[in-house]
Amino acid sequence: MIAFSIIHCPLFISEAFCASPFDNPDTIVVARDGTGAFRTIDEAIEVCRAFMDYHKVIYIKKGTYKEKLIIPSWLQNIELCGEDMNATVITYDDHANINKMGTFRTYTLKVEGNDITLKNLTIENNSARLGQAVAFHTEGDRIKVINCRLIGHQDTIYTGVANTRIYFKGCYICGTTDFIFGPSTAWFEDCTIESLINSYITAASTPADVAYGYVFNNCRLIAAEGVDKVYLGRPWRDYGYTLFMNCDLGRHIRPEGWHHWEKQREQTARYLEYNNRGEGAQPQQRVAWSRQLTKKEAAAITPANIFARQDSWNPTK
């Protein structure tokens, strides 16, 4: 005679097919001190159901979480919400020269899924400055990053897939070289961008057939002590698109503003500014192949317009 052990399941249905106790829109709590349902963020991500049609919050209490994380492509509608932006820290320390890892495997947090929100977190790559080291890597679409600190050196943020959309609001972002780079369309609102050395802030690789790349609006550009020669960006690929508008540009921004990376990209790169202020805002000294928008052109550039697709996603609503 064979005995069956079935807990909380209908008769004759395998336990493997029972609904998870976490398969609901309730909040999951993660805490290093053991006061939550899980002690690691990865464990909480693992119990989330694939392709959820409801919003699921993973609430992360204060603490330092040394984890290398992926939110996979089959997860959606997840929010990672920290208890405190400064005290809820996700950290790892890979860099490109560890076992010939290369840039694109160095992430601390990689988001492959769509409709993912991050709030009140510090996401950092705290490796030594021995090579490229990504803190935050995105591949999904409709990603929101609100009130977060994104910390690294070279290549802090990699927005990795063309035609995907990311919205950053109220974030602090720092790095050394090309520390915001990639082909995605991303809007940065009310963010503080700190350059740690004399180098380049952005390295957009926007495809030729994508209308918008990186848009920085109402952002503040600052620099570490002694840093005084920083470019707004250089095009990683021929048609890189970057716009700074209504931003406060510190004195560390070079008068010419932009670098071509390769000379022929002066013919194709899309580098734009509008209504910036501060000592680094010197439109009359910018490179001839960049452009200042007109008031009418700038008025048409809104999150709703740059993110326009069939789904009409507008993260500001």
Protein backbone atom coordinates (compact mmCIF):
# COMPACT_ATOMS: atom_id res chain seq x y z
CA MET A 1 0.00 0.00 0.00
CA ILE A 2 1.31 3.44 -0.98
CA ALA A 3 0.76 6.39 1.37
CA PHE A 4 0.21 9.85 -0.07
CA SER A 5 1.13 13.03 1.79
CA ILE A 6 -0.81 15.95 0.39
CA ILE A 7 -0.88 19.23 2.27
CA HIS A 8 -3.27 22.07 1.43
CA CYS A 9 -4.05 20.54 -1.96
CA PRO A 10 -7.10 18.92 -3.51
CA LEU A 11 -7.11 15.09 -3.40
CA PHE A 12 -4.90 13.33 -5.96
CA ILE A 13 -3.16 16.58 -7.03
CA SER A 14 0.61 16.63 -6.59
CA GLU A 15 1.97 19.09 -4.08
CA ALA A 16 4.21 20.48 -6.84
CA PHE A 17 1.12 21.93 -8.50
CA CYS A 18 -0.32 23.62 -5.40
CA ALA A 19 -0.52 27.39 -5.33
CA SER A 20 2.42 28.97 -3.55
CA PRO A 21 1.52 30.86 -0.36
CA PHE A 22 3.26 33.82 -2.05
CA ASP A 23 1.14 33.60 -5.22
CA ASN A 24 -0.90 36.70 -4.42
CA PRO A 25 -0.58 40.50 -4.50
CA ASP A 26 0.56 40.68 -0.86
CA THR A 27 3.91 42.21 0.07
CA ILE A 28 6.91 39.95 0.74
CA VAL A 29 9.32 41.19 3.41
CA VAL A 30 13.07 40.62 3.19
CA ALA A 31 15.28 41.29 6.22
CA ARG A 32 18.86 40.34 6.97
CA ASP A 33 18.03 40.06 10.68
CA GLY A 34 15.50 37.30 10.10
CA THR A 35 12.38 39.35 10.84
CA GLY A 36 11.02 38.95 7.30
CA ALA A 37 9.86 35.97 5.29
CA PHE A 38 13.30 35.81 3.63
CA ARG A 39 16.85 36.85 4.48
CA THR A 40 17.94 37.40 0.85
CA ILE A 41 16.37 39.27 -2.03
CA ASP A 42 17.10 36.42 -4.42
CA GLU A 43 14.94 34.05 -2.37
CA ALA A 44 12.03 36.49 -2.57
CA ILE A 45 12.40 36.89 -6.34
CA GLU A 46 12.43 33.10 -6.74
CA VAL A 47 8.96 32.63 -5.19
CA CYS A 48 7.26 35.16 -7.51
CA ARG A 49 4.94 33.62 -10.08
CA ALA A 50 5.80 33.92 -13.77
CA PHE A 51 3.95 36.54 -15.80
CA MET A 52 1.95 37.91 -12.87
CA ASP A 53 -1.01 40.09 -13.82
CA TYR A 54 -0.97 41.86 -10.45
CA HIS A 55 1.54 44.16 -8.71
CA LYS A 56 3.83 42.35 -6.25
CA VAL A 57 5.99 44.28 -3.77
CA ILE A 58 9.20 42.89 -2.31
CA TYR A 59 9.84 45.15 0.68
CA ILE A 60 13.49 45.14 1.71
CA LYS A 61 14.41 46.26 5.21
CA LYS A 62 17.54 48.22 6.01
CA GLY A 63 20.74 46.26 5.62
CA THR A 64 23.53 45.41 3.23
CA TYR A 65 22.65 42.62 0.82
CA LYS A 66 25.69 41.26 -0.98
CA GLU A 67 23.91 39.61 -3.87
CA LYS A 68 24.31 39.34 -7.62
CA LEU A 69 20.71 39.45 -8.79
CA ILE A 70 18.66 38.82 -11.92
CA ILE A 71 14.97 39.61 -12.30
CA PRO A 72 14.35 37.18 -15.18
CA SER A 73 12.34 37.79 -18.32
CA TRP A 74 9.36 35.70 -17.12
CA LEU A 75 8.73 37.98 -14.15
CA GLN A 76 6.75 41.20 -14.47
CA ASN A 77 4.88 43.71 -12.28
CA ILE A 78 7.40 43.35 -9.46
CA GLU A 79 8.47 46.24 -7.24
CA LEU A 80 11.65 46.12 -5.15
CA CYS A 81 11.07 48.72 -2.44
CA GLY A 82 13.72 49.53 0.14
CA GLU A 83 13.03 50.76 3.63
CA ASP A 84 15.61 53.53 3.25
CA MET A 85 17.40 54.75 0.11
CA ASN A 86 20.73 55.16 1.93
CA ALA A 87 20.52 52.18 4.27
CA THR A 88 19.03 49.47 2.02
CA VAL A 89 22.05 48.50 -0.05
CA ILE A 90 22.38 45.87 -2.78
CA THR A 91 26.06 45.41 -3.55
CA TYR A 92 28.46 43.19 -5.43
CA ASP A 93 32.04 43.57 -6.68
CA ASP A 94 32.57 41.94 -10.08
CA HIS A 95 34.61 43.75 -12.73
CA ALA A 96 35.51 43.02 -16.33
CA ASN A 97 38.98 41.65 -15.63
CA ILE A 98 37.95 38.91 -13.21
CA ASN A 99 38.48 35.66 -15.16
CA LYS A 100 38.04 37.60 -18.42
CA MET A 101 34.42 38.25 -17.43
CA GLY A 102 33.93 41.23 -19.77
CA THR A 103 31.69 44.21 -19.15
CA PHE A 104 28.27 42.66 -19.62
CA ARG A 105 28.46 40.01 -16.90
CA THR A 106 29.63 42.36 -14.14
CA TYR A 107 26.21 43.65 -13.04
CA THR A 108 25.04 43.74 -9.45
CA LEU A 109 21.37 43.85 -10.50
CA LYS A 110 20.16 42.83 -13.95
CA VAL A 111 16.52 43.42 -14.90
CA GLU A 112 15.31 41.29 -17.81
CA GLY A 113 11.59 41.44 -16.99
CA ASN A 114 9.09 44.10 -18.04
CA ASP A 115 7.13 46.46 -15.77
CA ILE A 116 9.65 46.37 -12.94
CA THR A 117 9.88 49.18 -10.37
CA LEU A 118 12.80 49.94 -8.04
CA LYS A 119 12.33 52.36 -5.14
CA ASN A 120 14.37 53.63 -2.19
CA LEU A 121 17.43 51.47 -2.83
CA THR A 122 21.18 51.79 -3.19
CA ILE A 123 22.46 49.59 -6.01
CA GLU A 124 26.22 49.56 -6.24
CA ASN A 125 29.17 47.84 -7.78
CA ASN A 126 31.91 48.37 -5.22
CA SER A 127 34.74 46.63 -7.04
CA ALA A 128 38.18 48.15 -7.17
CA ARG A 129 38.83 50.33 -10.21
CA LEU A 130 40.34 47.51 -12.23
CA GLY A 131 37.98 47.53 -15.19
CA GLN A 132 34.40 48.09 -16.29
CA ALA A 133 31.96 47.28 -13.51
CA VAL A 134 28.19 47.60 -14.03
CA ALA A 135 25.92 48.22 -11.05
CA PHE A 136 22.56 48.26 -12.85
CA HIS A 137 21.89 46.47 -16.16
CA THR A 138 18.50 46.66 -17.88
CA GLU A 139 17.05 44.58 -20.68
CA GLY A 140 13.33 44.80 -19.88
CA ASP A 141 10.79 47.40 -20.98
CA ARG A 142 8.77 49.89 -18.91
CA ILE A 143 11.18 50.02 -15.98
CA LYS A 144 10.87 52.69 -13.27
CA VAL A 145 13.70 53.65 -10.94
CA ILE A 146 12.52 56.03 -8.22
CA ASN A 147 14.55 57.62 -5.42
CA CYS A 148 17.52 55.28 -5.81
CA ARG A 149 21.30 55.61 -5.53
CA LEU A 150 23.22 53.98 -8.39
CA ILE A 151 26.90 53.83 -7.54
CA GLY A 152 29.94 52.62 -9.45
CA HIS A 153 32.99 53.66 -11.41
CA GLN A 154 33.20 52.89 -15.14
CA ASP A 155 29.89 51.77 -16.71
CA THR A 156 27.63 52.18 -13.66
CA ILE A 157 24.33 51.95 -15.62
CA TYR A 158 23.95 49.87 -18.76
CA THR A 159 20.61 50.25 -20.54
CA GLY A 160 21.15 47.23 -22.70
CA VAL A 161 18.37 46.76 -25.28
CA ALA A 162 17.22 49.14 -28.02
CA ASN A 163 13.56 50.22 -27.96
CA THR A 164 13.21 49.47 -24.24
CA ARG A 165 12.09 52.30 -21.95
CA ILE A 166 13.42 53.29 -18.53
CA TYR A 167 12.30 56.16 -16.31
CA PHE A 168 14.59 57.47 -13.55
CA LYS A 169 13.27 60.00 -11.03
CA GLY A 170 14.96 61.59 -8.03
CA CYS A 171 18.01 59.36 -8.31
CA TYR A 172 21.67 59.89 -7.45
CA ILE A 173 24.03 58.42 -10.05
CA CYS A 174 27.83 58.49 -9.89
CA GLY A 175 30.72 57.07 -11.83
CA THR A 176 33.92 57.71 -13.72
CA THR A 177 33.82 56.93 -17.46
CA ASP A 178 30.77 56.35 -19.71
CA PHE A 179 28.81 55.62 -16.56
CA ILE A 180 25.42 55.87 -18.27
CA PHE A 181 25.61 53.91 -21.52
CA GLY A 182 23.63 51.82 -23.97
CA PRO A 183 20.94 51.86 -26.69
CA SER A 184 17.70 52.20 -24.68
CA THR A 185 15.39 55.20 -24.44
CA ALA A 186 15.67 56.63 -20.92
CA TRP A 187 14.31 59.73 -19.18
CA PHE A 188 16.15 61.12 -16.14
CA GLU A 189 14.04 63.54 -14.06
CA ASP A 190 15.35 65.52 -11.04
CA CYS A 191 18.46 63.36 -10.79
CA THR A 192 21.89 64.27 -9.40
CA ILE A 193 24.74 63.08 -11.62
CA GLU A 194 28.22 63.09 -10.05
CA SER A 195 31.44 62.68 -12.02
CA LEU A 196 34.24 61.12 -9.96
CA ILE A 197 37.07 61.81 -12.45
CA ASN A 198 37.73 63.88 -15.56
CA SER A 199 36.07 61.79 -18.26
CA TYR A 200 32.69 61.26 -19.97
CA ILE A 201 29.22 61.01 -18.41
CA THR A 202 27.20 59.30 -21.15
CA ALA A 203 27.93 56.92 -24.00
CA ALA A 204 24.65 56.46 -25.85
CA SER A 205 24.46 53.87 -28.62
CA THR A 206 20.98 54.78 -29.85
CA PRO A 207 20.14 53.04 -33.16
CA ALA A 208 19.55 55.24 -36.20
CA ASP A 209 15.87 54.28 -36.39
CA VAL A 210 15.10 55.12 -32.73
CA ALA A 211 13.99 58.71 -32.27
CA TYR A 212 15.18 59.26 -28.68
CA GLY A 213 18.01 57.99 -26.51
CA TYR A 214 18.86 59.68 -23.19
CA VAL A 215 16.93 62.72 -21.99
CA PHE A 216 18.02 64.51 -18.80
CA ASN A 217 15.48 67.03 -17.50
CA ASN A 218 15.82 69.23 -14.41
CA CYS A 219 18.96 67.33 -13.38
CA ARG A 220 21.97 68.61 -11.45
CA LEU A 221 25.49 67.75 -12.62
CA ILE A 222 28.13 67.85 -9.90
CA ALA A 223 31.70 66.61 -9.51
CA ALA A 224 34.08 65.27 -6.89
CA GLU A 225 36.80 67.55 -5.60
CA GLY A 226 39.45 68.34 -8.21
CA VAL A 227 37.34 67.21 -11.17
CA ASP A 228 37.17 70.02 -13.73
CA LYS A 229 37.16 68.60 -17.29
CA VAL A 230 34.14 66.41 -17.98
CA TYR A 231 32.29 65.84 -21.25
CA LEU A 232 28.51 65.50 -21.29
CA GLY A 233 28.93 62.51 -23.53
CA ARG A 234 30.47 60.70 -26.45
CA PRO A 235 28.62 58.44 -28.92
CA TRP A 236 29.34 54.75 -28.39
CA ARG A 237 27.68 54.13 -31.76
CA ASP A 238 27.17 56.45 -34.73
CA TYR A 239 23.67 57.76 -33.94
CA GLY A 240 23.91 58.16 -30.18
CA TYR A 241 21.20 60.53 -28.88
CA THR A 242 21.57 62.55 -25.67
CA LEU A 243 19.70 65.68 -24.57
CA PHE A 244 20.25 67.80 -21.46
CA MET A 245 17.46 70.33 -20.87
CA ASN A 246 16.58 72.58 -17.94
CA CYS A 247 19.63 71.19 -16.12
CA ASP A 248 22.12 72.80 -13.74
CA LEU A 249 25.56 72.10 -15.21
CA GLY A 250 28.50 72.54 -12.83
CA ARG A 251 31.76 74.24 -13.72
CA HIS A 252 33.39 70.85 -14.34
CA ILE A 253 31.61 70.53 -17.70
CA ARG A 254 33.99 71.33 -20.54
CA PRO A 255 33.06 74.38 -22.65
CA GLU A 256 32.89 72.27 -25.84
CA GLY A 257 30.47 69.93 -24.06
CA TRP A 258 30.72 66.85 -26.27
CA HIS A 259 33.32 64.48 -27.74
CA HIS A 260 32.93 62.63 -31.05
CA TRP A 261 34.73 59.39 -29.94
CA GLU A 262 35.44 58.79 -33.64
CA LYS A 263 35.67 61.75 -36.03
CA GLN A 264 33.05 60.50 -38.50
CA ARG A 265 30.41 60.44 -35.75
CA GLU A 266 30.26 64.21 -35.86
CA GLN A 267 28.09 63.68 -38.94
CA THR A 268 25.56 61.41 -37.23
CA ALA A 269 25.58 61.82 -33.44
CA ARG A 270 22.50 63.57 -32.04
CA TYR A 271 23.69 65.79 -29.20
CA LEU A 272 21.27 68.40 -27.94
CA GLU A 273 20.73 70.95 -25.17
CA TYR A 274 18.02 73.36 -24.11
CA ASN A 275 17.72 76.02 -21.41
CA ASN A 276 20.52 74.76 -19.21
CA ARG A 277 22.06 76.92 -16.49
CA GLY A 278 25.17 77.03 -14.32
CA GLU A 279 28.83 77.60 -15.09
CA GLY A 280 28.98 74.55 -17.33
CA ALA A 281 26.17 75.77 -19.57
CA GLN A 282 28.03 77.60 -22.36
CA PRO A 283 26.04 77.15 -25.57
CA GLN A 284 28.18 79.61 -27.53
CA GLN A 285 31.27 77.43 -26.96
CA ARG A 286 29.77 74.04 -27.74
CA VAL A 287 31.07 71.89 -30.60
CA ALA A 288 29.54 72.93 -33.93
CA TRP A 289 27.99 69.51 -34.49
CA SER A 290 25.80 69.69 -31.37
CA ARG A 291 22.61 71.73 -31.34
CA GLN A 292 20.50 73.91 -29.04
CA LEU A 293 16.78 73.13 -29.33
CA THR A 294 14.19 75.80 -29.95
CA LYS A 295 11.46 76.40 -27.37
CA LYS A 296 8.92 74.74 -29.64
CA GLU A 297 11.11 71.66 -30.15
CA ALA A 298 11.77 71.33 -26.43
CA ALA A 299 8.07 71.60 -25.56
CA ALA A 300 7.38 68.49 -27.63
CA ILE A 301 9.87 66.39 -25.68
CA THR A 302 7.96 64.86 -22.77
CA PRO A 303 7.96 61.38 -21.20
CA ALA A 304 4.65 60.62 -22.90
CA ASN A 305 6.07 61.51 -26.31
CA ILE A 306 9.47 59.86 -26.09
CA PHE A 307 8.00 56.68 -24.66
CA ALA A 308 5.11 56.57 -27.12
CA ARG A 309 4.45 53.08 -28.44
CA GLN A 310 1.25 51.13 -29.04
CA ASP A 311 0.78 50.82 -25.26
CA SER A 312 1.05 54.62 -24.60
CA TRP A 313 3.13 54.02 -21.46
CA ASN A 314 3.55 57.18 -19.38
CA PRO A 315 5.42 56.55 -16.10
CA THR A 316 4.60 60.00 -14.72
CA LYS A 317 0.90 59.14 -14.29
